[in-house]
Structure formats: structure tokens, C-alpha cells
Amino acid sequence: MDKLILYIGNKNYSSWSFRPWMALTAVGIDFEEVLIPFDFPAGNPKFKGISPTGRVPALHHGEVRVWESLAIIEYVAELFPDKSLWPRAVADRAVARSISMEMLSGFRALRSACPMDMRRPKGKIALPDGVTEDIARIETIWRECRKKSGGPFLFGQFSAADAMFAPVVSRFEVYDLVTDSDTLDYMAAVKAHPAWLKWQQAALAETWIVPEGEA
């Protein structure tokens, strides 16, 4: 099989890179990582050579090119069905995909107001309209999924859905957005995962400063 090559951006800031990287790493799928740092405000021209959108992440697999986080996860899940990136039960997979799509297309207020920045000292900021509603919806998703599965992750064992929400865990932590004990328990489980810790260690060691990525 051709090597999987995953192109990502800065680990401190690139939430969309974090999602497929964590999914693949968490279930033990081997891939080559290529980090191309953001070069704002013009953007890094190298992105256009690896993805038709000129953005990261992007996955190269031989002649195949896959872009967008969730599409990358879906593609790799089909390549490695034994890795169980999605829950095994049909109904659970449907819900996992639904909430992953909701993460992909929604929660714009939260993502805009609280960009992922793992180096940022923990502390609150003034929240614009819509952020509180986004937080409440995400907490409801996490609570309902874990109540049904028994935890510690959304569908019992770690899945692609957890990877899709991993940057939100960072946002909730860094911007001190939540206090609910069930939410904090789930966050603790994600933050203790070896894949999370590996990414975070690399993110904290980065020296690039991207003004557009700072709250």
C-alpha cells in the first residue's frame, strides 16, 4: 500500500489539522506527517501545491488527494476498517457522523471568538452573541452520548467523533468556558489520551506566532 502523507498546519493553531491527525494517531494508523506553517496574512503558497482549496489538512495516498478533515477521516476509515474509527453499531455510527457533521458545519460563534491556541494562558474573555448557545449545544451532545455509551468517550471507546471535537476540548479548557462536572470528566479523558498529549507537547514547543490565530 502507498504511504499515507498527512499535510498539516501549525499544531498550536490548526484545529482542522488536529482532527484527522488525532484520529489516525489514536487508532495506530501509520502515516507521514508534513507540517507546513501558516504564513499570514498572505497565507503559505505551499498549501496550493498540496490541496485544491489551498488549505490544510490534506491527505496524499499515492495518486489520491483528499482534503477536509472529515473526508480524510472517512477515507482512512474505509482503508482500515479493522481500526474501528467509527462505532461498530449502525445506529451509533449514524449519530457519530451526525454530530461530526454538526461540528464541521456549525458552532461558528465559538470557533470565531475562541480560536484554538494551546499556548494561551488559561483565562476568560468577553463572549459575543452565540457563543453561550454553542457551548450549551456541545455540552448536550457530549452528555447524551456518554450517558448512552457509559463513556469515557462519546461512544465508549475513542472514535472519529472524539477526534472531531478534540479542538473544542482545548477551547473549553483554555478560555475557561465550562464548569459542569460531566463536561470536565469528558475533557479529562480526551486530554489524557496519548495522541492528545503528543500533539499538545509539539504545539507548546512551537515558536511561530500567528496574530490572526490569537484571541
Protein backbone atom coordinates (compact mmCIF):
# COMPACT_ATOMS: atom_id res chain seq x y z
CA MET A 1 0.00 0.00 0.00
CA ASP A 2 1.20 3.50 -0.79
CA LYS A 3 2.26 5.62 2.16
CA LEU A 4 -0.27 7.98 3.70
CA ILE A 5 1.06 11.54 3.86
CA LEU A 6 -0.87 13.98 6.03
CA TYR A 7 -0.15 17.68 5.47
CA ILE A 8 -0.97 19.86 8.45
CA GLY A 9 -0.53 23.42 9.70
CA ASN A 10 0.84 24.76 12.98
CA LYS A 11 -0.12 22.45 15.81
CA ASN A 12 -0.78 25.32 18.17
CA TYR A 13 -3.44 26.85 15.93
CA SER A 14 -4.64 24.40 13.28
CA SER A 15 -7.77 22.84 14.73
CA TRP A 16 -8.76 21.29 11.42
CA SER A 17 -5.34 19.61 11.12
CA PHE A 18 -5.67 18.35 14.69
CA ARG A 19 -8.83 16.37 13.93
CA PRO A 20 -7.57 13.83 11.35
CA TRP A 21 -4.12 13.75 12.93
CA MET A 22 -5.60 12.69 16.26
CA ALA A 23 -7.99 10.21 14.66
CA LEU A 24 -5.22 8.42 12.79
CA THR A 25 -2.75 8.58 15.66
CA ALA A 26 -5.22 7.40 18.27
CA VAL A 27 -6.05 4.15 16.47
CA GLY A 28 -2.49 3.42 15.37
CA ILE A 29 -2.65 4.14 11.64
CA ASP A 30 0.81 4.79 10.25
CA PHE A 31 1.31 7.98 8.25
CA GLU A 32 3.96 10.51 7.38
CA GLU A 33 3.38 13.97 8.82
CA VAL A 34 4.36 17.05 6.86
CA LEU A 35 3.88 20.35 8.70
CA ILE A 36 3.65 23.50 6.59
CA PRO A 37 3.44 26.53 8.91
CA PHE A 38 0.93 29.30 8.35
CA ASP A 39 2.47 32.44 6.88
CA PHE A 40 -0.15 35.14 7.49
CA PRO A 41 -1.50 37.47 6.26
CA ALA A 42 -0.82 36.27 2.71
CA GLY A 43 -1.07 32.56 3.56
CA ASN A 44 1.57 29.97 2.77
CA PRO A 45 1.72 29.47 -1.03
CA LYS A 46 2.85 25.87 -0.47
CA PHE A 47 -0.71 24.96 0.54
CA LYS A 48 -1.88 25.37 -3.05
CA GLY A 49 0.51 22.67 -4.16
CA ILE A 50 -0.97 20.04 -1.87
CA SER A 51 -4.71 20.83 -1.87
CA PRO A 52 -7.16 22.23 -4.43
CA THR A 53 -8.56 24.51 -1.74
CA GLY A 54 -5.15 25.88 -0.80
CA ARG A 55 -5.77 24.86 2.81
CA VAL A 56 -4.70 22.20 5.26
CA PRO A 57 -5.18 19.45 6.19
CA ALA A 58 -4.74 17.36 3.09
CA LEU A 59 -4.01 13.67 2.70
CA HIS A 60 -1.97 12.20 -0.16
CA HIS A 61 -2.17 8.46 -0.79
CA GLY A 62 -0.39 7.58 -3.98
CA GLU A 63 -2.32 9.42 -6.68
CA VAL A 64 -5.29 10.04 -4.39
CA ARG A 65 -5.76 13.50 -2.88
CA VAL A 66 -8.24 14.01 -0.04
CA TRP A 67 -8.93 17.33 1.66
CA GLU A 68 -11.18 18.48 4.53
CA SER A 69 -10.81 16.85 7.95
CA LEU A 70 -13.91 14.69 7.96
CA ALA A 71 -13.35 13.45 4.41
CA ILE A 72 -9.82 12.40 5.38
CA ILE A 73 -11.14 10.50 8.38
CA GLU A 74 -13.81 8.79 6.26
CA TYR A 75 -11.28 7.79 3.61
CA VAL A 76 -8.87 6.30 6.12
CA ALA A 77 -11.71 4.52 7.93
CA GLU A 78 -12.54 2.75 4.67
CA LEU A 79 -8.88 1.82 4.13
CA PHE A 80 -8.57 0.39 7.64
CA PRO A 81 -11.98 -0.98 8.71
CA ASP A 82 -10.31 -3.12 11.38
CA LYS A 83 -9.23 0.05 13.23
CA SER A 84 -12.85 0.92 14.08
CA LEU A 85 -12.51 4.66 13.60
CA TRP A 86 -16.31 4.80 13.73
CA PRO A 87 -18.50 2.97 16.29
CA ARG A 88 -19.37 -0.60 15.29
CA ALA A 89 -23.15 -0.35 15.80
CA VAL A 90 -25.04 1.08 12.82
CA ALA A 91 -27.16 3.41 14.95
CA ASP A 92 -24.11 4.68 16.83
CA ARG A 93 -22.25 5.31 13.57
CA ALA A 94 -25.17 7.35 12.30
CA VAL A 95 -25.16 9.52 15.41
CA ALA A 96 -21.36 9.81 15.38
CA ARG A 97 -21.42 11.01 11.79
CA SER A 98 -24.29 13.40 12.52
CA ILE A 99 -22.52 15.13 15.39
CA SER A 100 -19.27 15.18 13.41
CA MET A 101 -21.06 16.94 10.57
CA GLU A 102 -22.60 19.33 13.08
CA MET A 103 -19.09 20.15 14.30
CA LEU A 104 -17.92 20.58 10.72
CA SER A 105 -20.67 23.00 9.72
CA GLY A 106 -21.70 24.64 12.98
CA PHE A 107 -20.54 26.37 16.15
CA ARG A 108 -19.19 29.30 14.17
CA ALA A 109 -19.60 31.77 17.04
CA LEU A 110 -17.43 29.65 19.34
CA ARG A 111 -14.81 28.97 16.68
CA SER A 112 -14.58 32.64 15.73
CA ALA A 113 -14.43 34.05 19.26
CA CYS A 114 -12.16 31.37 20.71
CA PRO A 115 -9.59 30.19 18.15
CA MET A 116 -7.53 27.18 19.13
CA ASP A 117 -4.37 28.38 20.85
CA MET A 118 -2.86 25.75 23.12
CA ARG A 119 -0.12 28.11 24.31
CA ARG A 120 -2.58 30.70 25.56
CA PRO A 121 -2.65 31.10 29.38
CA LYS A 122 -5.98 29.91 30.74
CA GLY A 123 -8.42 32.75 31.20
CA LYS A 124 -11.85 34.04 30.31
CA ILE A 125 -12.67 36.54 27.57
CA ALA A 126 -15.81 38.54 26.82
CA LEU A 127 -18.06 36.27 24.77
CA PRO A 128 -20.00 37.68 21.81
CA ASP A 129 -23.52 36.63 20.90
CA GLY A 130 -23.97 32.99 20.03
CA VAL A 131 -21.04 31.52 21.93
CA THR A 132 -23.04 30.55 25.02
CA GLU A 133 -25.58 28.77 22.83
CA ASP A 134 -22.81 26.89 21.03
CA ILE A 135 -21.30 25.80 24.34
CA ALA A 136 -24.66 24.58 25.63
CA ARG A 137 -25.32 22.55 22.48
CA ILE A 138 -21.90 20.90 22.59
CA GLU A 139 -22.30 20.02 26.26
CA THR A 140 -25.68 18.46 25.47
CA ILE A 141 -24.14 16.34 22.71
CA TRP A 142 -21.37 15.12 24.97
CA ARG A 143 -23.69 14.41 27.90
CA GLU A 144 -26.25 12.48 25.85
CA CYS A 145 -23.67 10.39 24.02
CA ARG A 146 -21.74 9.47 27.15
CA LYS A 147 -24.92 8.70 29.08
CA LYS A 148 -25.89 6.17 26.43
CA SER A 149 -22.44 4.67 25.92
CA GLY A 150 -21.21 4.77 29.51
CA GLY A 151 -18.07 6.66 28.46
CA PRO A 152 -15.33 7.54 28.93
CA PHE A 153 -15.52 8.73 25.31
CA LEU A 154 -18.60 9.68 23.32
CA PHE A 155 -19.27 6.15 22.11
CA GLY A 156 -17.43 4.21 24.78
CA GLN A 157 -14.06 3.72 23.14
CA PHE A 158 -12.30 6.52 21.29
CA SER A 159 -13.74 7.20 17.83
CA ALA A 160 -13.60 9.69 14.98
CA ALA A 161 -16.33 11.71 16.72
CA ASP A 162 -14.00 12.37 19.65
CA ALA A 163 -11.31 13.50 17.22
CA MET A 164 -13.74 15.92 15.59
CA PHE A 165 -14.45 17.55 18.97
CA ALA A 166 -10.84 17.47 20.25
CA PRO A 167 -10.12 21.14 19.41
CA VAL A 168 -13.28 22.13 21.30
CA VAL A 169 -11.87 20.42 24.37
CA SER A 170 -8.85 22.70 24.05
CA ARG A 171 -11.04 25.78 23.59
CA PHE A 172 -13.19 24.94 26.63
CA GLU A 173 -10.02 24.50 28.69
CA VAL A 174 -8.00 27.50 27.52
CA TYR A 175 -10.85 30.02 27.61
CA ASP A 176 -12.27 28.58 30.87
CA LEU A 177 -15.73 28.16 29.34
CA VAL A 178 -17.31 25.30 31.31
CA THR A 179 -17.86 24.11 34.86
CA ASP A 180 -20.22 21.14 34.51
CA SER A 181 -18.68 18.03 36.09
CA ASP A 182 -19.74 15.68 33.29
CA THR A 183 -18.22 18.01 30.70
CA LEU A 184 -15.00 18.24 32.69
CA ASP A 185 -14.86 14.45 33.05
CA TYR A 186 -15.08 14.02 29.30
CA MET A 187 -12.45 16.69 28.72
CA ALA A 188 -10.14 14.95 31.18
CA ALA A 189 -10.49 11.67 29.27
CA VAL A 190 -9.62 13.33 25.95
CA LYS A 191 -6.71 15.31 27.41
CA ALA A 192 -5.25 12.14 28.94
CA HIS A 193 -5.24 10.28 25.61
CA PRO A 194 -1.67 9.64 24.37
CA ALA A 195 -2.49 11.15 20.96
CA TRP A 196 -3.71 14.38 22.58
CA LEU A 197 -0.61 14.59 24.77
CA LYS A 198 1.71 14.04 21.79
CA TRP A 199 0.06 16.81 19.77
CA GLN A 200 -0.07 19.20 22.74
CA GLN A 201 3.61 18.70 23.54
CA ALA A 202 4.55 19.61 19.98
CA ALA A 203 2.14 22.56 19.95
CA LEU A 204 3.58 24.05 23.11
CA ALA A 205 7.09 23.74 21.70
CA GLU A 206 6.31 25.74 18.55
CA THR A 207 7.69 29.25 18.30
CA TRP A 208 5.59 30.60 15.42
CA ILE A 209 3.30 33.48 16.35
CA VAL A 210 0.29 34.00 14.10
CA PRO A 211 -1.54 37.22 15.09
CA GLU A 212 -4.72 36.10 13.30
CA GLY A 213 -4.76 32.98 15.46
CA GLU A 214 -4.66 34.84 18.75
CA ALA A 215 -7.89 35.76 20.52
